[in-house]
Every structure is written in structure tokens, then in C-alpha cells.
Amino acid sequence: GFVNPPIEPDGEGAELYLNDADRNEAASFTGKAGKCLAVAPSAKWPTKRWPAERFTKAGELLADKLGAHVVLVGGKGDRELCRIVASMASCETVNAAGKLSLRGTAAAIEGAIGFVGNDTGLMHMAGALNTPGVAVFGPTTAHLGFFPYKSPVRVVERKEVKCRPCTKQGQNDCPKKHFACMTEVSVEDVVDAATGAIGKL
């Protein structure tokens, strides 16, 4: 019978291919003119979420530097968190969470000048689409295997927090009750890393 050839890694990062329908879906949120910054403030597990107000501030500072507006991305379950982030923002911010399909969300990220998020699937999507940016990692670490692979997305983390990793996937509460792995990541840390990743500011 037929035998599949052995699968070998090609040495490249993840890849994701989109079409014009995906890009047209995203265009109503990202705008056909001007630049946008894709911001994904949510994650399935609360311990993997950098604080919402910091996403707001980082988005504002980066949008100002880039001459861009912010597009918040995520699924239906992320709508409320994204609404909170948008409500605190002083720059132009569009909440596309839950309003785009998964492929439409990918197209919004593809069309963005940069990406800011947490350790999530959308972070890997940004890398697969070659959108530069940053991901904040708290309870998870590189040796668990979830870091961006051959990706333009840089990781921001506090390596000196010795209780990391506390979980493989994330959980509802910090076991130590201090949540230092996330709260010690400053807005400046993220803005500086994103500036370096996106470049040409």
C-alpha cells in the first residue's frame, strides 16, 4: 500500500495563508487607509493576561509613535475585556473582538504594523503572518515549548521571578498571590520591546 513519506521540519516558522475575502472582512475594522496596531489583551487563563490598563497605555504610546490607531482583536469571549481596554483609551481604538471570524482576525493582524498581546494563539498567528511585535509571558516560560518559533514577535518576561513557570497552560489565580510575573512587567518594558521589534519609528 501507499506509505506517506517521513515528515521533516523545514527549518522555517509557522505559516498561514489568507485570501482577499479574509482581508476584505478585516478592512471594515482596520481601515483601508492608515496604519493600525493589533492589540490582543485577553487569554483563556487569567494568569496569562497582562493587566488591561497596561495594554491600554502601551497601545496609546505605540499608536502615537507609529501614527496608527489601535484595533483590539480576540474572540467572542474577549469582548468585555476589550471593551474595558477601549473605554480607557485616549487614542482612536476599534474593538473588533468577537466581530471577525478567525480568518478575519488573522487578516487584521496581517494588515497591522505591529502586534501586542499575551502568550496565546493570536501571538503565534502574528508570527505566522510576519507581523512584528511583542508578547508578554508570565506564568509560562520558553522551556515549555510555547515561545514564538522563528517569529518576529519578541517575548517580554521577568526572568528573575523564581516561581516561574507555575503552570503549563495557565490558571485562574496566582498560586503565590502576588502575580509578580505579570505585574512587574511595565508599560515601558513592552513599549521598548515593541519599538525594537517593529522598528523604523
C-alpha atoms as a PDB file:
ATOM      1  CA  GLY A   1       0.000   0.000   0.000  1.00  0.00           C
ATOM      2  CA  PHE A   2       0.878   3.690  -0.149  1.00  0.00           C
ATOM      3  CA  VAL A   3       3.273   4.882   2.531  1.00  0.00           C
ATOM      4  CA  ASN A   4       3.454   8.558   3.421  1.00  0.00           C
ATOM      5  CA  PRO A   5       6.961   9.940   3.163  1.00  0.00           C
ATOM      6  CA  PRO A   6       8.538  10.890   6.501  1.00  0.00           C
ATOM      7  CA  ILE A   7       7.738  14.440   7.594  1.00  0.00           C
ATOM      8  CA  GLU A   8      10.798  16.547   8.222  1.00  0.00           C
ATOM      9  CA  PRO A   9      10.895  20.064   9.704  1.00  0.00           C
ATOM     10  CA  ASP A  10      11.671  22.643   7.034  1.00  0.00           C
ATOM     11  CA  GLY A  11      13.506  24.881   9.481  1.00  0.00           C
ATOM     12  CA  GLU A  12      11.023  27.691   8.957  1.00  0.00           C
ATOM     13  CA  GLY A  13       8.466  29.200  11.313  1.00  0.00           C
ATOM     14  CA  ALA A  14       4.699  28.744  11.182  1.00  0.00           C
ATOM     15  CA  GLU A  15       2.863  29.764   8.025  1.00  0.00           C
ATOM     16  CA  LEU A  16      -0.679  30.979   7.460  1.00  0.00           C
ATOM     17  CA  TYR A  17      -2.220  31.846   4.119  1.00  0.00           C
ATOM     18  CA  LEU A  18      -5.140  34.253   3.760  1.00  0.00           C
ATOM     19  CA  ASN A  19      -7.280  35.340   0.822  1.00  0.00           C
ATOM     20  CA  ASP A  20      -8.968  38.521  -0.366  1.00  0.00           C
ATOM     21  CA  ALA A  21     -12.242  37.611   1.356  1.00  0.00           C
ATOM     22  CA  ASP A  22     -10.417  37.424   4.696  1.00  0.00           C
ATOM     23  CA  ARG A  23      -8.747  40.786   4.069  1.00  0.00           C
ATOM     24  CA  ASN A  24     -11.993  42.426   2.971  1.00  0.00           C
ATOM     25  CA  GLU A  25     -13.677  41.208   6.166  1.00  0.00           C
ATOM     26  CA  ALA A  26     -10.920  42.772   8.277  1.00  0.00           C
ATOM     27  CA  ALA A  27     -10.852  46.041   6.323  1.00  0.00           C
ATOM     28  CA  SER A  28     -14.066  47.317   7.902  1.00  0.00           C
ATOM     29  CA  PHE A  29     -12.238  47.371  11.246  1.00  0.00           C
ATOM     30  CA  THR A  30      -8.634  48.050  10.285  1.00  0.00           C
ATOM     31  CA  GLY A  31      -9.421  50.689   7.695  1.00  0.00           C
ATOM     32  CA  LYS A  32      -8.220  50.659   4.117  1.00  0.00           C
ATOM     33  CA  ALA A  33      -6.122  53.764   4.743  1.00  0.00           C
ATOM     34  CA  GLY A  34      -3.755  54.491   7.590  1.00  0.00           C
ATOM     35  CA  LYS A  35      -1.896  52.149   9.875  1.00  0.00           C
ATOM     36  CA  CYS A  36      -3.215  50.064  12.727  1.00  0.00           C
ATOM     37  CA  LEU A  37      -1.669  48.322  15.719  1.00  0.00           C
ATOM     38  CA  ALA A  38      -3.255  44.984  16.607  1.00  0.00           C
ATOM     39  CA  VAL A  39      -3.661  44.571  20.370  1.00  0.00           C
ATOM     40  CA  ALA A  40      -4.837  41.276  21.889  1.00  0.00           C
ATOM     41  CA  PRO A  41      -5.271  41.835  25.647  1.00  0.00           C
ATOM     42  CA  SER A  42      -7.007  38.579  26.506  1.00  0.00           C
ATOM     43  CA  ALA A  43      -6.031  34.950  27.080  1.00  0.00           C
ATOM     44  CA  LYS A  44      -8.011  31.890  28.084  1.00  0.00           C
ATOM     45  CA  TRP A  45      -6.483  31.839  31.584  1.00  0.00           C
ATOM     46  CA  PRO A  46      -6.440  34.943  33.831  1.00  0.00           C
ATOM     47  CA  THR A  47      -2.835  34.347  34.930  1.00  0.00           C
ATOM     48  CA  LYS A  48      -1.708  34.704  31.300  1.00  0.00           C
ATOM     49  CA  ARG A  49      -3.240  38.188  30.983  1.00  0.00           C
ATOM     50  CA  TRP A  50      -1.104  41.290  31.415  1.00  0.00           C
ATOM     51  CA  PRO A  51      -3.283  43.942  33.186  1.00  0.00           C
ATOM     52  CA  ALA A  52      -5.852  45.620  30.936  1.00  0.00           C
ATOM     53  CA  GLU A  53      -4.876  49.172  31.869  1.00  0.00           C
ATOM     54  CA  ARG A  54      -1.308  48.455  30.792  1.00  0.00           C
ATOM     55  CA  PHE A  55      -2.464  47.240  27.399  1.00  0.00           C
ATOM     56  CA  THR A  56      -4.394  50.485  27.086  1.00  0.00           C
ATOM     57  CA  LYS A  57      -1.376  52.637  27.934  1.00  0.00           C
ATOM     58  CA  ALA A  58       1.075  50.643  25.810  1.00  0.00           C
ATOM     59  CA  GLY A  59      -1.352  50.807  22.896  1.00  0.00           C
ATOM     60  CA  GLU A  60      -1.695  54.574  23.278  1.00  0.00           C
ATOM     61  CA  LEU A  61       2.068  55.159  23.396  1.00  0.00           C
ATOM     62  CA  LEU A  62       2.796  52.883  20.448  1.00  0.00           C
ATOM     63  CA  ALA A  63      -0.080  54.261  18.382  1.00  0.00           C
ATOM     64  CA  ASP A  64       1.290  57.763  18.933  1.00  0.00           C
ATOM     65  CA  LYS A  65       4.811  56.709  17.926  1.00  0.00           C
ATOM     66  CA  LEU A  66       3.578  54.827  14.877  1.00  0.00           C
ATOM     67  CA  GLY A  67       0.967  57.312  13.737  1.00  0.00           C
ATOM     68  CA  ALA A  68      -1.518  54.458  13.949  1.00  0.00           C
ATOM     69  CA  HIS A  69      -4.832  53.567  15.519  1.00  0.00           C
ATOM     70  CA  VAL A  70      -5.444  50.568  17.775  1.00  0.00           C
ATOM     71  CA  VAL A  71      -7.529  47.575  16.712  1.00  0.00           C
ATOM     72  CA  LEU A  72      -8.413  45.233  19.566  1.00  0.00           C
ATOM     73  CA  VAL A  73      -8.611  41.608  18.466  1.00  0.00           C
ATOM     74  CA  GLY A  74      -9.934  38.465  20.123  1.00  0.00           C
ATOM     75  CA  GLY A  75     -12.847  36.073  20.197  1.00  0.00           C
ATOM     76  CA  LYS A  76     -16.407  36.448  21.428  1.00  0.00           C
ATOM     77  CA  GLY A  77     -15.336  35.656  24.978  1.00  0.00           C
ATOM     78  CA  ASP A  78     -12.871  38.564  24.871  1.00  0.00           C
ATOM     79  CA  ARG A  79     -15.416  41.270  24.008  1.00  0.00           C
ATOM     80  CA  GLU A  80     -15.878  42.598  27.539  1.00  0.00           C
ATOM     81  CA  LEU A  81     -12.163  42.798  28.347  1.00  0.00           C
ATOM     82  CA  CYS A  82     -11.555  44.552  25.028  1.00  0.00           C
ATOM     83  CA  ARG A  83     -14.449  46.917  25.774  1.00  0.00           C
ATOM     84  CA  ILE A  84     -12.773  47.826  29.064  1.00  0.00           C
ATOM     85  CA  VAL A  85      -9.432  48.421  27.327  1.00  0.00           C
ATOM     86  CA  ALA A  86     -11.138  50.586  24.693  1.00  0.00           C
ATOM     87  CA  SER A  87     -13.069  52.560  27.331  1.00  0.00           C
ATOM     88  CA  MET A  88      -9.811  53.634  28.979  1.00  0.00           C
ATOM     89  CA  ALA A  89      -8.070  54.617  25.744  1.00  0.00           C
ATOM     90  CA  SER A  90      -7.407  58.221  24.777  1.00  0.00           C
ATOM     91  CA  CYS A  91      -6.396  57.302  21.201  1.00  0.00           C
ATOM     92  CA  GLU A  92      -8.538  56.030  18.335  1.00  0.00           C
ATOM     93  CA  THR A  93      -9.405  52.443  19.281  1.00  0.00           C
ATOM     94  CA  VAL A  94     -11.610  49.972  17.417  1.00  0.00           C
ATOM     95  CA  ASN A  95     -12.923  46.895  19.229  1.00  0.00           C
ATOM     96  CA  ALA A  96     -13.057  44.042  16.699  1.00  0.00           C
ATOM     97  CA  ALA A  97     -13.139  41.271  19.337  1.00  0.00           C
ATOM     98  CA  GLY A  98     -15.814  38.716  18.535  1.00  0.00           C
ATOM     99  CA  LYS A  99     -16.860  40.617  15.426  1.00  0.00           C
ATOM    100  CA  LEU A 100     -14.463  38.952  12.994  1.00  0.00           C
ATOM    101  CA  SER A 101     -14.094  35.305  12.051  1.00  0.00           C
ATOM    102  CA  LEU A 102     -10.836  33.608  12.986  1.00  0.00           C
ATOM    103  CA  ARG A 103      -9.505  34.175   9.484  1.00  0.00           C
ATOM    104  CA  GLY A 104     -10.773  37.764   9.542  1.00  0.00           C
ATOM    105  CA  THR A 105      -8.932  38.286  12.813  1.00  0.00           C
ATOM    106  CA  ALA A 106      -5.819  36.845  11.191  1.00  0.00           C
ATOM    107  CA  ALA A 107      -6.210  39.290   8.315  1.00  0.00           C
ATOM    108  CA  ALA A 108      -6.487  42.192  10.764  1.00  0.00           C
ATOM    109  CA  ILE A 109      -3.232  41.067  12.372  1.00  0.00           C
ATOM    110  CA  GLU A 110      -1.600  40.581   8.963  1.00  0.00           C
ATOM    111  CA  GLY A 111      -2.507  44.127   7.958  1.00  0.00           C
ATOM    112  CA  ALA A 112      -1.261  45.676  11.191  1.00  0.00           C
ATOM    113  CA  ILE A 113       2.050  47.460  11.517  1.00  0.00           C
ATOM    114  CA  GLY A 114       2.621  45.587  14.770  1.00  0.00           C
ATOM    115  CA  PHE A 115       1.128  43.279  17.381  1.00  0.00           C
ATOM    116  CA  VAL A 116       0.954  43.398  21.191  1.00  0.00           C
ATOM    117  CA  GLY A 117      -0.520  40.504  23.146  1.00  0.00           C
ATOM    118  CA  ASN A 118      -0.088  37.694  25.651  1.00  0.00           C
ATOM    119  CA  ASP A 119       1.003  34.056  25.342  1.00  0.00           C
ATOM    120  CA  THR A 120      -1.900  32.994  23.108  1.00  0.00           C
ATOM    121  CA  GLY A 121      -2.769  31.529  19.744  1.00  0.00           C
ATOM    122  CA  LEU A 122      -3.072  35.044  18.311  1.00  0.00           C
ATOM    123  CA  MET A 123       0.578  35.624  19.200  1.00  0.00           C
ATOM    124  CA  HIS A 124       1.547  32.579  17.114  1.00  0.00           C
ATOM    125  CA  MET A 125      -0.757  33.834  14.372  1.00  0.00           C
ATOM    126  CA  ALA A 126       1.086  37.170  14.301  1.00  0.00           C
ATOM    127  CA  GLY A 127       4.374  35.317  13.896  1.00  0.00           C
ATOM    128  CA  ALA A 128       2.994  33.142  11.099  1.00  0.00           C
ATOM    129  CA  LEU A 129       1.842  36.303   9.300  1.00  0.00           C
ATOM    130  CA  ASN A 130       5.214  38.008   9.818  1.00  0.00           C
ATOM    131  CA  THR A 131       3.690  40.818  11.874  1.00  0.00           C
ATOM    132  CA  PRO A 132       6.349  42.076  14.325  1.00  0.00           C
ATOM    133  CA  GLY A 133       5.593  42.863  17.932  1.00  0.00           C
ATOM    134  CA  VAL A 134       5.668  41.575  21.470  1.00  0.00           C
ATOM    135  CA  ALA A 135       4.016  39.013  23.705  1.00  0.00           C
ATOM    136  CA  VAL A 136       4.006  39.262  27.492  1.00  0.00           C
ATOM    137  CA  PHE A 137       4.816  35.938  29.164  1.00  0.00           C
ATOM    138  CA  GLY A 138       4.114  35.477  32.878  1.00  0.00           C
ATOM    139  CA  PRO A 139       3.470  32.001  34.281  1.00  0.00           C
ATOM    140  CA  THR A 140       4.816  30.216  31.189  1.00  0.00           C
ATOM    141  CA  THR A 141       8.409  30.014  30.001  1.00  0.00           C
ATOM    142  CA  ALA A 142      10.478  29.048  26.952  1.00  0.00           C
ATOM    143  CA  HIS A 143      11.297  25.517  28.015  1.00  0.00           C
ATOM    144  CA  LEU A 144       7.595  24.592  27.979  1.00  0.00           C
ATOM    145  CA  GLY A 145       7.760  24.935  24.204  1.00  0.00           C
ATOM    146  CA  PHE A 146       5.235  27.716  23.646  1.00  0.00           C
ATOM    147  CA  PHE A 147       7.582  30.594  22.804  1.00  0.00           C
ATOM    148  CA  PRO A 148       7.338  32.171  19.334  1.00  0.00           C
ATOM    149  CA  TYR A 149       9.332  29.980  16.915  1.00  0.00           C
ATOM    150  CA  LYS A 150      11.360  31.759  14.237  1.00  0.00           C
ATOM    151  CA  SER A 151       8.959  34.655  14.633  1.00  0.00           C
ATOM    152  CA  PRO A 152       9.174  38.471  14.518  1.00  0.00           C
ATOM    153  CA  VAL A 153       7.266  38.527  17.833  1.00  0.00           C
ATOM    154  CA  ARG A 154       9.545  39.156  20.815  1.00  0.00           C
ATOM    155  CA  VAL A 155       8.862  37.932  24.328  1.00  0.00           C
ATOM    156  CA  VAL A 156       8.768  40.279  27.316  1.00  0.00           C
ATOM    157  CA  GLU A 157       9.159  38.470  30.642  1.00  0.00           C
ATOM    158  CA  ARG A 158      10.547  38.808  34.150  1.00  0.00           C
ATOM    159  CA  LYS A 159      13.111  36.021  34.323  1.00  0.00           C
ATOM    160  CA  GLU A 160      14.056  36.921  37.887  1.00  0.00           C
ATOM    161  CA  VAL A 161      10.629  35.866  39.193  1.00  0.00           C
ATOM    162  CA  LYS A 162      11.729  32.481  40.502  1.00  0.00           C
ATOM    163  CA  CYS A 163       8.316  30.814  40.810  1.00  0.00           C
ATOM    164  CA  ARG A 164       8.010  30.724  37.016  1.00  0.00           C
ATOM    165  CA  PRO A 165       6.768  28.533  35.460  1.00  0.00           C
ATOM    166  CA  CYS A 166       3.919  27.705  37.793  1.00  0.00           C
ATOM    167  CA  THR A 167       1.780  26.037  35.141  1.00  0.00           C
ATOM    168  CA  LYS A 168       1.958  24.667  31.638  1.00  0.00           C
ATOM    169  CA  GLN A 169      -1.300  26.164  30.357  1.00  0.00           C
ATOM    170  CA  GLY A 170      -2.285  28.915  32.812  1.00  0.00           C
ATOM    171  CA  GLN A 171      -4.738  29.016  35.692  1.00  0.00           C
ATOM    172  CA  ASN A 172      -7.302  31.259  37.357  1.00  0.00           C
ATOM    173  CA  ASP A 173      -5.163  32.643  40.188  1.00  0.00           C
ATOM    174  CA  CYS A 174      -1.504  33.137  41.068  1.00  0.00           C
ATOM    175  CA  PRO A 175      -0.554  30.323  43.490  1.00  0.00           C
ATOM    176  CA  LYS A 176       1.704  32.753  45.386  1.00  0.00           C
ATOM    177  CA  LYS A 177      -0.972  35.521  45.385  1.00  0.00           C
ATOM    178  CA  HIS A 178       1.492  38.209  44.202  1.00  0.00           C
ATOM    179  CA  PHE A 179       1.218  37.781  40.395  1.00  0.00           C
ATOM    180  CA  ALA A 180       4.679  39.329  40.137  1.00  0.00           C
ATOM    181  CA  CYS A 181       5.427  37.623  36.821  1.00  0.00           C
ATOM    182  CA  MET A 182       2.902  39.931  35.173  1.00  0.00           C
ATOM    183  CA  THR A 183       2.647  42.962  37.445  1.00  0.00           C
ATOM    184  CA  GLU A 184       6.406  43.523  37.304  1.00  0.00           C
ATOM    185  CA  VAL A 185       6.305  43.842  33.512  1.00  0.00           C
ATOM    186  CA  SER A 186       5.971  47.585  32.978  1.00  0.00           C
ATOM    187  CA  VAL A 187       4.374  49.535  30.161  1.00  0.00           C
ATOM    188  CA  GLU A 188       7.843  50.847  29.323  1.00  0.00           C
ATOM    189  CA  ASP A 189       9.177  47.279  29.027  1.00  0.00           C
ATOM    190  CA  VAL A 190       6.537  46.430  26.449  1.00  0.00           C
ATOM    191  CA  VAL A 191       6.730  49.705  24.530  1.00  0.00           C
ATOM    192  CA  ASP A 192      10.529  49.495  24.315  1.00  0.00           C
ATOM    193  CA  ALA A 193      10.442  45.888  23.128  1.00  0.00           C
ATOM    194  CA  ALA A 194       7.708  46.601  20.604  1.00  0.00           C
ATOM    195  CA  THR A 195       9.565  49.643  19.333  1.00  0.00           C
ATOM    196  CA  GLY A 196      12.615  47.496  18.728  1.00  0.00           C
ATOM    197  CA  ALA A 197      10.603  44.715  17.092  1.00  0.00           C
ATOM    198  CA  ILE A 198       8.587  46.966  14.805  1.00  0.00           C
ATOM    199  CA  GLY A 199      11.438  49.364  14.052  1.00  0.00           C
ATOM    200  CA  LYS A 200      11.511  52.439  11.804  1.00  0.00           C
ATOM    201  CA  LEU A 201       9.542  54.539  14.262  1.00  0.00           C
END
